[in-house]
Amino acid sequence: MILSALKAQNYALALDTAEAELAIIPNSALNHYYAAWACDGLGQENRAIPHYEKAIALGLPDADLKEAYLGLGSTYRVTGNYQQAYELLTQAVTHFPNDRALQVFYALAKYSMGDAKSALRDTLLLLSSTTQDDGILAYRKAIDFYAQDLDFISD
């Protein structure tokens, strides 16, 4: 029921249902995750944070954990909690090293922490390794080279 409401973007119903379930089973990681997701969908980021934190602390299956990491990391960043976003997303990309969406949000967190060079490097490498765009692929070798040394100046 809750997941169906979330997928249908009926966030108010999903939140009401998740909170009703949490009143009965307060340590349900999945219902905390659903409540966080619904809060995010409603634009209530600060209300989402404790639900994300509780869901992660209680333990989620990997598929949901990955999404909770992304949701909480993004929410920390958008609410100005850059250090928390960076630390959480560092943990997330360590746990899920091949997840490209997490890598993008990690780059955003690096940027927010003032590490623009590393953020751009990571973004360029991600772009060059995932794109199907012929124009970018034609310059892939150069993009990869410059990503490794953004300050390179030829003699």
Foldseek 3Di string as FASTA:
>chain_A
DLVVCVVVLVLVVNLVVLVVVCVVVVQDLVSLLSNLSSCVSVVNLVVSQVSLVSSVVSDDPPVSVLVSLLSNLVSCVVVPVLVVSLVSLVVSCVVVVPDLSSLLSNLVSCVSVVNVLLSVLSVLLSCLVDDPDPVCVVCSVVSNVCSVPVPDDDD
